[in-house]
N, C-alpha and C. Protein backbone atom coordinates (compact mmCIF):
# COMPACT_ATOMS: atom_id res chain seq x y z
N UNK A 1 -17.19 51.36 12.84
CA UNK A 1 -15.96 50.70 13.25
C UNK A 1 -15.77 50.92 14.76
N UNK A 2 -15.40 49.87 15.46
CA UNK A 2 -15.18 49.93 16.90
C UNK A 2 -13.69 50.06 17.16
N UNK A 3 -13.32 51.07 17.91
CA UNK A 3 -11.92 51.28 18.22
C UNK A 3 -11.66 50.94 19.68
N UNK A 4 -10.65 50.15 19.92
CA UNK A 4 -10.29 49.80 21.30
C UNK A 4 -9.61 50.99 21.95
N UNK A 5 -9.88 51.17 23.23
CA UNK A 5 -9.23 52.22 23.98
C UNK A 5 -7.76 51.91 24.21
N UNK A 6 -7.04 52.94 24.56
CA UNK A 6 -5.61 52.80 24.82
C UNK A 6 -5.33 51.80 25.93
N UNK A 7 -6.24 51.73 26.92
CA UNK A 7 -6.01 50.87 28.06
C UNK A 7 -6.84 49.58 28.02
N UNK A 8 -7.36 49.24 26.85
CA UNK A 8 -8.11 47.99 26.71
C UNK A 8 -7.18 46.83 26.98
N UNK A 9 -7.67 45.80 27.68
CA UNK A 9 -6.80 44.66 27.97
C UNK A 9 -6.36 43.96 26.70
N UNK A 10 -5.12 43.56 26.70
CA UNK A 10 -4.57 42.83 25.57
C UNK A 10 -4.97 41.37 25.71
N UNK A 11 -5.12 40.66 24.60
CA UNK A 11 -5.46 39.23 24.73
C UNK A 11 -4.32 38.49 25.43
N UNK A 12 -4.66 37.40 26.09
CA UNK A 12 -3.60 36.67 26.80
C UNK A 12 -2.61 36.11 25.80
N UNK A 13 -1.40 36.01 26.24
CA UNK A 13 -0.37 35.41 25.39
C UNK A 13 -0.33 33.94 25.75
N UNK A 14 -1.03 33.15 24.97
CA UNK A 14 -1.05 31.72 25.21
C UNK A 14 0.05 31.08 24.39
N UNK A 15 0.94 30.45 25.08
CA UNK A 15 2.05 29.76 24.44
C UNK A 15 1.73 28.28 24.45
N UNK A 16 2.40 27.51 23.62
CA UNK A 16 2.14 26.06 23.62
C UNK A 16 2.42 25.44 24.98
N UNK A 17 1.63 24.45 25.33
CA UNK A 17 1.85 23.71 26.56
C UNK A 17 3.14 22.91 26.41
N UNK A 18 3.97 22.96 27.44
CA UNK A 18 5.21 22.19 27.46
C UNK A 18 5.01 21.04 28.45
N UNK A 19 4.77 19.81 27.94
CA UNK A 19 4.48 18.69 28.85
C UNK A 19 5.53 18.47 29.94
N UNK A 20 6.75 18.87 29.68
CA UNK A 20 7.83 18.69 30.67
C UNK A 20 8.22 20.00 31.34
N UNK A 21 7.44 21.04 31.11
CA UNK A 21 7.77 22.35 31.66
C UNK A 21 7.52 22.43 33.16
N UNK A 22 8.04 23.48 33.79
CA UNK A 22 7.92 23.62 35.24
C UNK A 22 6.60 24.23 35.68
N UNK A 23 6.21 23.90 36.90
CA UNK A 23 5.14 24.59 37.61
C UNK A 23 5.76 25.15 38.88
N UNK A 24 5.05 26.05 39.52
CA UNK A 24 5.58 26.68 40.73
C UNK A 24 5.61 25.67 41.87
N UNK A 25 6.75 25.54 42.46
CA UNK A 25 6.90 24.70 43.65
C UNK A 25 6.67 25.59 44.86
N UNK A 26 5.87 25.16 45.78
CA UNK A 26 5.54 26.01 46.92
C UNK A 26 4.32 26.85 46.61
N UNK A 27 4.16 27.93 47.34
CA UNK A 27 2.98 28.79 47.20
C UNK A 27 3.17 29.79 46.07
N UNK A 28 2.13 29.97 45.26
CA UNK A 28 2.17 31.03 44.25
C UNK A 28 2.07 32.39 44.93
N UNK A 29 2.31 33.46 44.15
CA UNK A 29 2.25 34.81 44.71
C UNK A 29 0.87 35.14 45.29
N UNK A 30 -0.18 34.75 44.57
CA UNK A 30 -1.54 35.09 45.00
C UNK A 30 -2.43 33.86 44.82
N UNK A 31 -3.24 33.57 45.83
CA UNK A 31 -4.23 32.49 45.74
C UNK A 31 -5.58 33.08 46.14
N UNK A 32 -6.55 32.98 45.23
CA UNK A 32 -7.92 33.41 45.50
C UNK A 32 -8.73 32.13 45.66
N UNK A 33 -9.27 31.92 46.84
CA UNK A 33 -9.87 30.63 47.17
C UNK A 33 -11.29 30.80 47.70
N UNK A 34 -12.20 29.98 47.18
CA UNK A 34 -13.55 29.88 47.71
C UNK A 34 -13.61 28.57 48.48
N UNK A 35 -13.60 28.64 49.81
CA UNK A 35 -13.53 27.40 50.59
C UNK A 35 -14.78 26.54 50.45
N UNK A 36 -14.58 25.25 50.54
CA UNK A 36 -15.70 24.32 50.57
C UNK A 36 -16.23 24.31 52.00
N UNK A 37 -17.53 24.26 52.19
CA UNK A 37 -18.06 24.33 53.56
C UNK A 37 -17.71 23.12 54.44
N UNK A 38 -17.43 21.96 53.83
CA UNK A 38 -17.16 20.77 54.64
C UNK A 38 -15.86 20.05 54.28
N UNK A 39 -15.45 20.10 53.05
CA UNK A 39 -14.32 19.30 52.59
C UNK A 39 -13.00 20.08 52.65
N UNK A 40 -11.90 19.36 52.54
CA UNK A 40 -10.58 19.97 52.67
C UNK A 40 -10.20 20.82 51.47
N UNK A 41 -10.69 20.48 50.28
CA UNK A 41 -10.32 21.25 49.09
C UNK A 41 -11.32 22.37 48.85
N UNK A 42 -10.89 23.41 48.15
CA UNK A 42 -11.80 24.54 47.91
C UNK A 42 -12.83 24.23 46.83
N UNK A 43 -13.94 24.95 46.86
CA UNK A 43 -14.92 24.87 45.78
C UNK A 43 -14.30 25.40 44.49
N UNK A 44 -13.54 26.48 44.60
CA UNK A 44 -12.90 27.09 43.44
C UNK A 44 -11.62 27.78 43.90
N UNK A 45 -10.67 27.87 42.95
CA UNK A 45 -9.39 28.48 43.29
C UNK A 45 -8.76 29.07 42.04
N UNK A 46 -8.15 30.22 42.22
CA UNK A 46 -7.35 30.86 41.17
C UNK A 46 -5.96 31.07 41.76
N UNK A 47 -4.94 30.62 41.03
CA UNK A 47 -3.56 30.87 41.43
C UNK A 47 -2.95 31.85 40.42
N UNK A 48 -2.23 32.84 40.95
CA UNK A 48 -1.55 33.83 40.12
C UNK A 48 -0.10 33.90 40.57
N UNK A 49 0.78 34.01 39.60
CA UNK A 49 2.20 34.07 39.93
C UNK A 49 2.93 34.88 38.87
N UNK A 50 3.84 35.74 39.32
CA UNK A 50 4.61 36.54 38.37
C UNK A 50 5.83 35.75 37.91
N UNK A 51 5.94 35.61 36.61
CA UNK A 51 7.06 34.91 35.99
C UNK A 51 8.31 35.77 36.13
N UNK A 52 9.46 35.17 36.00
CA UNK A 52 10.72 35.90 36.13
C UNK A 52 10.89 37.00 35.09
N UNK A 53 10.16 36.91 33.96
CA UNK A 53 10.26 37.96 32.93
C UNK A 53 9.25 39.09 33.15
N UNK A 54 8.50 39.05 34.26
CA UNK A 54 7.57 40.12 34.60
C UNK A 54 6.13 39.85 34.22
N UNK A 55 5.90 38.91 33.33
CA UNK A 55 4.52 38.58 32.97
C UNK A 55 3.86 37.80 34.10
N UNK A 56 2.52 37.75 34.06
CA UNK A 56 1.76 37.03 35.07
C UNK A 56 1.17 35.77 34.48
N UNK A 57 1.16 34.71 35.26
CA UNK A 57 0.61 33.41 34.87
C UNK A 57 -0.58 33.12 35.77
N UNK A 58 -1.47 32.26 35.29
CA UNK A 58 -2.63 31.86 36.10
C UNK A 58 -2.93 30.38 35.94
N UNK A 59 -3.65 29.88 36.92
CA UNK A 59 -4.17 28.51 36.90
C UNK A 59 -5.48 28.52 37.69
N UNK A 60 -6.36 27.57 37.38
CA UNK A 60 -7.65 27.51 38.07
C UNK A 60 -7.95 26.07 38.50
N UNK A 61 -8.89 25.96 39.40
CA UNK A 61 -9.34 24.64 39.83
C UNK A 61 -10.71 24.72 40.47
N UNK A 62 -11.45 23.63 40.36
CA UNK A 62 -12.75 23.52 41.04
C UNK A 62 -12.85 22.13 41.65
N UNK A 63 -13.51 22.05 42.77
CA UNK A 63 -13.83 20.77 43.41
C UNK A 63 -12.61 19.88 43.63
N UNK A 64 -11.50 20.47 43.98
CA UNK A 64 -10.30 19.68 44.25
C UNK A 64 -9.51 19.31 43.02
N UNK A 65 -9.99 19.65 41.83
CA UNK A 65 -9.27 19.39 40.59
C UNK A 65 -8.74 20.68 40.02
N UNK A 66 -7.90 20.59 39.04
CA UNK A 66 -7.33 21.77 38.41
C UNK A 66 -5.87 21.53 38.10
N UNK A 67 -5.15 22.61 38.01
CA UNK A 67 -3.73 22.50 37.69
C UNK A 67 -2.95 23.57 38.43
N UNK A 68 -1.68 23.33 38.62
CA UNK A 68 -0.79 24.22 39.36
C UNK A 68 -0.24 25.28 38.41
N UNK A 69 -0.19 26.52 38.87
CA UNK A 69 0.31 27.61 38.05
C UNK A 69 1.78 27.39 37.68
N UNK A 70 2.13 27.76 36.46
CA UNK A 70 3.51 27.66 36.02
C UNK A 70 3.63 27.90 34.53
N UNK A 71 4.84 28.15 34.06
CA UNK A 71 5.05 28.40 32.64
C UNK A 71 4.71 27.20 31.76
N UNK A 72 4.65 26.03 32.35
CA UNK A 72 4.32 24.81 31.62
C UNK A 72 3.06 24.98 30.78
N UNK A 73 2.06 25.70 31.30
CA UNK A 73 0.75 25.78 30.66
C UNK A 73 0.65 26.87 29.60
N UNK A 74 1.60 27.78 29.55
CA UNK A 74 1.57 28.82 28.53
C UNK A 74 0.56 29.92 28.76
N UNK A 75 0.02 30.04 29.97
CA UNK A 75 -0.96 31.09 30.28
C UNK A 75 -0.23 32.33 30.79
N UNK A 76 -0.07 33.33 29.92
CA UNK A 76 0.66 34.55 30.28
C UNK A 76 -0.18 35.78 29.97
N UNK A 77 -0.11 36.75 30.85
CA UNK A 77 -0.75 38.04 30.65
C UNK A 77 0.24 39.13 31.06
N UNK A 78 0.03 40.33 30.53
CA UNK A 78 0.96 41.42 30.80
C UNK A 78 0.89 41.92 32.25
N UNK A 79 -0.30 41.88 32.84
CA UNK A 79 -0.47 42.40 34.20
C UNK A 79 -1.19 41.39 35.09
N UNK A 80 -1.10 41.63 36.38
CA UNK A 80 -1.81 40.78 37.34
C UNK A 80 -3.31 40.89 37.15
N UNK A 81 -3.81 42.09 36.87
CA UNK A 81 -5.24 42.29 36.68
C UNK A 81 -5.74 41.52 35.46
N UNK A 82 -4.99 41.56 34.37
CA UNK A 82 -5.38 40.82 33.18
C UNK A 82 -5.37 39.31 33.44
N UNK A 83 -4.34 38.83 34.12
CA UNK A 83 -4.26 37.40 34.45
C UNK A 83 -5.45 36.99 35.31
N UNK A 84 -5.84 37.85 36.25
CA UNK A 84 -6.99 37.56 37.10
C UNK A 84 -8.26 37.46 36.28
N UNK A 85 -8.44 38.37 35.33
CA UNK A 85 -9.64 38.33 34.48
C UNK A 85 -9.65 37.07 33.61
N UNK A 86 -8.52 36.71 33.04
CA UNK A 86 -8.47 35.50 32.20
C UNK A 86 -8.75 34.25 33.04
N UNK A 87 -8.20 34.23 34.25
CA UNK A 87 -8.45 33.09 35.14
C UNK A 87 -9.92 33.04 35.53
N UNK A 88 -10.52 34.18 35.80
CA UNK A 88 -11.94 34.22 36.17
C UNK A 88 -12.80 33.73 35.01
N UNK A 89 -12.47 34.12 33.80
CA UNK A 89 -13.23 33.65 32.63
C UNK A 89 -13.09 32.14 32.48
N UNK A 90 -11.89 31.64 32.71
CA UNK A 90 -11.65 30.19 32.63
C UNK A 90 -12.44 29.46 33.72
N UNK A 91 -12.46 30.02 34.91
CA UNK A 91 -13.19 29.42 36.02
C UNK A 91 -14.70 29.42 35.75
N UNK A 92 -15.20 30.52 35.21
CA UNK A 92 -16.62 30.61 34.87
C UNK A 92 -16.99 29.57 33.82
N UNK A 93 -16.13 29.41 32.83
CA UNK A 93 -16.36 28.40 31.79
C UNK A 93 -16.39 27.00 32.41
N UNK A 94 -15.47 26.72 33.32
CA UNK A 94 -15.43 25.42 33.98
C UNK A 94 -16.69 25.20 34.81
N UNK A 95 -17.16 26.25 35.48
CA UNK A 95 -18.38 26.14 36.29
C UNK A 95 -19.60 25.87 35.41
N UNK A 96 -19.65 26.49 34.24
CA UNK A 96 -20.77 26.26 33.32
C UNK A 96 -20.82 24.79 32.91
N UNK A 97 -19.66 24.18 32.73
CA UNK A 97 -19.58 22.78 32.31
C UNK A 97 -19.80 21.82 33.48
N UNK A 98 -19.50 22.28 34.67
CA UNK A 98 -19.54 21.43 35.85
C UNK A 98 -20.96 20.98 36.17
N UNK A 99 -21.87 21.90 36.28
CA UNK A 99 -23.25 21.55 36.62
C UNK A 99 -23.38 21.10 38.06
N UNK A 100 -24.52 21.34 38.64
CA UNK A 100 -24.73 20.93 40.03
C UNK A 100 -24.88 19.41 40.09
N UNK A 101 -24.58 18.86 41.25
CA UNK A 101 -24.67 17.42 41.45
C UNK A 101 -23.37 16.70 41.23
N UNK A 102 -22.44 17.28 40.47
CA UNK A 102 -21.15 16.63 40.23
C UNK A 102 -20.35 16.56 41.51
N UNK A 103 -19.98 17.69 42.01
CA UNK A 103 -19.28 17.74 43.30
C UNK A 103 -19.77 18.91 44.13
N UNK A 104 -20.77 19.61 43.60
CA UNK A 104 -21.29 20.79 44.28
C UNK A 104 -22.81 20.81 44.21
N UNK A 105 -23.40 21.51 45.15
CA UNK A 105 -24.84 21.75 45.11
C UNK A 105 -25.10 22.91 44.14
N UNK A 106 -26.36 23.13 43.84
CA UNK A 106 -26.73 24.24 42.96
C UNK A 106 -26.30 25.57 43.58
N UNK A 107 -26.47 25.71 44.89
CA UNK A 107 -26.08 26.95 45.57
C UNK A 107 -24.56 27.15 45.53
N UNK A 108 -23.80 26.07 45.72
CA UNK A 108 -22.35 26.17 45.66
C UNK A 108 -21.89 26.52 44.25
N UNK A 109 -22.54 25.96 43.24
CA UNK A 109 -22.22 26.27 41.85
C UNK A 109 -22.45 27.75 41.58
N UNK A 110 -23.53 28.29 42.10
CA UNK A 110 -23.79 29.73 41.93
C UNK A 110 -22.73 30.56 42.65
N UNK A 111 -22.23 30.07 43.78
CA UNK A 111 -21.15 30.78 44.48
C UNK A 111 -19.88 30.82 43.65
N UNK A 112 -19.57 29.72 42.98
CA UNK A 112 -18.39 29.67 42.11
C UNK A 112 -18.55 30.67 40.97
N UNK A 113 -19.73 30.66 40.35
CA UNK A 113 -19.99 31.59 39.24
C UNK A 113 -19.92 33.04 39.71
N UNK A 114 -20.45 33.32 40.89
CA UNK A 114 -20.41 34.68 41.43
C UNK A 114 -18.98 35.12 41.70
N UNK A 115 -18.16 34.22 42.24
CA UNK A 115 -16.75 34.53 42.47
C UNK A 115 -16.09 34.91 41.15
N UNK A 116 -16.28 34.09 40.13
CA UNK A 116 -15.65 34.34 38.84
C UNK A 116 -16.13 35.66 38.23
N UNK A 117 -17.44 35.88 38.27
CA UNK A 117 -17.99 37.11 37.69
C UNK A 117 -17.48 38.35 38.43
N UNK A 118 -17.18 38.21 39.70
CA UNK A 118 -16.67 39.33 40.48
C UNK A 118 -15.31 39.85 40.00
N UNK A 119 -14.58 39.03 39.28
CA UNK A 119 -13.27 39.43 38.78
C UNK A 119 -13.28 39.79 37.30
N UNK A 120 -14.43 39.62 36.65
CA UNK A 120 -14.52 39.93 35.21
C UNK A 120 -14.76 41.40 34.98
């Protein structure tokens, strides 16, 4: 039997998406960005923001697409570190599906994956 440690991360509290719910207007508390070498949008981005109830929310994006952080999406974690890990896992999953040639080169895709793995 495998026993989780006292400080093992708790699973994210995913709440239902609220199509009319709010997103953060203005800048989120933390933005982790991998800049694109030539274009205006980043290759990858993680947004983190602390909700008014103390929980942390996250959002991710690649190649200029993604979504804005906010309670609308139901992505909640107990701590900023946990939210960062969940966002990194989401970003890595998106990068696996993205594939080179879509909006990034093979080297840029590896940079996105390396960024995400660095937070896992």
